[in-house]
């Protein structure tokens, strides 16, 4: 599978919004993902908002994918 990605908004160091289309097959439009960083009690909170998927199969697939990717990110940051 090939994901065609585009950065839509970039506000370093706190916010990035991008979209992707899987192999150009999403007839209902691209997926939109917003990543936001904010300071909370001396730590950093990452908020991920994912929207745009209308295909139930894709939605279910991504529900399982984001937790795994965020766990991998946490492991990498903890080094």
Protein backbone atom coordinates (compact mmCIF):
# COMPACT_ATOMS: atom_id res chain seq x y z
CA UNK A 1 0.00 0.00 0.00
CA UNK A 2 1.15 3.51 -0.80
CA UNK A 3 0.01 6.48 1.27
CA UNK A 4 0.08 9.83 -0.54
CA UNK A 5 0.60 12.47 2.18
CA UNK A 6 0.40 16.25 2.19
CA UNK A 7 1.23 18.69 5.00
CA UNK A 8 -1.72 21.08 5.25
CA UNK A 9 -0.67 23.25 8.20
CA UNK A 10 2.59 23.52 10.11
CA UNK A 11 3.00 25.66 13.22
CA UNK A 12 6.28 24.61 14.87
CA UNK A 13 6.73 23.55 17.56
CA UNK A 14 3.10 22.99 18.61
CA UNK A 15 0.93 21.89 15.71
CA UNK A 16 0.96 19.99 12.44
CA UNK A 17 -1.94 18.92 10.23
CA UNK A 18 -1.58 16.53 7.33
CA UNK A 19 -3.72 14.41 5.10
CA UNK A 20 -3.28 11.17 3.26
CA UNK A 21 -4.99 9.14 0.61
CA UNK A 22 -4.37 5.40 0.42
CA UNK A 23 -3.25 4.51 -3.10
CA UNK A 24 -5.55 7.26 -4.37
CA UNK A 25 -8.54 5.01 -3.63
CA UNK A 26 -10.50 7.04 -1.08
CA UNK A 27 -13.45 8.28 -3.09
CA UNK A 28 -14.80 10.25 -0.12
CA UNK A 29 -11.66 12.38 0.19
CA UNK A 30 -8.47 12.37 2.18
CA UNK A 31 -7.95 11.54 5.81
CA UNK A 32 -7.00 14.50 8.03
CA UNK A 33 -4.75 14.13 11.08
CA UNK A 34 -3.89 16.91 13.51
CA UNK A 35 -1.00 16.60 15.98
CA UNK A 36 -0.91 19.15 18.78
CA UNK A 37 1.68 19.54 21.54
CA UNK A 38 0.97 21.48 24.72
CA UNK A 39 2.69 21.91 28.06
CA UNK A 40 0.77 20.45 31.00
CA UNK A 41 2.23 20.52 34.52
CA UNK A 42 5.83 20.49 33.31
CA UNK A 43 5.22 17.68 30.82
CA UNK A 44 4.14 17.60 27.20
CA UNK A 45 0.74 16.35 26.08
CA UNK A 46 0.31 15.03 22.54
CA UNK A 47 -3.21 15.15 21.14
CA UNK A 48 -3.96 13.33 17.88
CA UNK A 49 -7.23 14.00 16.05
CA UNK A 50 -7.98 11.83 13.07
CA UNK A 51 -10.97 12.48 10.82
CA UNK A 52 -12.21 11.91 7.33
CA UNK A 53 -12.45 8.13 7.06
CA UNK A 54 -15.92 6.97 6.13
CA UNK A 55 -15.22 3.37 5.18
CA UNK A 56 -16.03 1.19 8.26
CA UNK A 57 -13.21 -1.25 7.46
CA UNK A 58 -10.64 1.55 7.36
CA UNK A 59 -12.00 3.10 10.57
CA UNK A 60 -11.66 -0.20 12.44
CA UNK A 61 -8.15 -0.75 11.09
CA UNK A 62 -7.02 2.69 12.24
CA UNK A 63 -8.59 2.32 15.70
CA UNK A 64 -6.11 -0.47 16.31
CA UNK A 65 -3.21 1.28 14.58
CA UNK A 66 -2.96 4.60 16.42
CA UNK A 67 -2.49 3.09 19.90
CA UNK A 68 0.37 0.95 18.57
CA UNK A 69 2.05 3.90 16.84
CA UNK A 70 1.72 6.09 19.94
CA UNK A 71 3.19 3.34 22.14
CA UNK A 72 6.13 3.07 19.73
CA UNK A 73 6.61 6.83 19.88
CA UNK A 74 6.61 6.73 23.69
CA UNK A 75 9.19 3.93 23.73
CA UNK A 76 11.40 5.86 21.31
CA UNK A 77 11.19 9.06 23.36
CA UNK A 78 12.00 7.23 26.57
CA UNK A 79 15.01 5.80 24.76
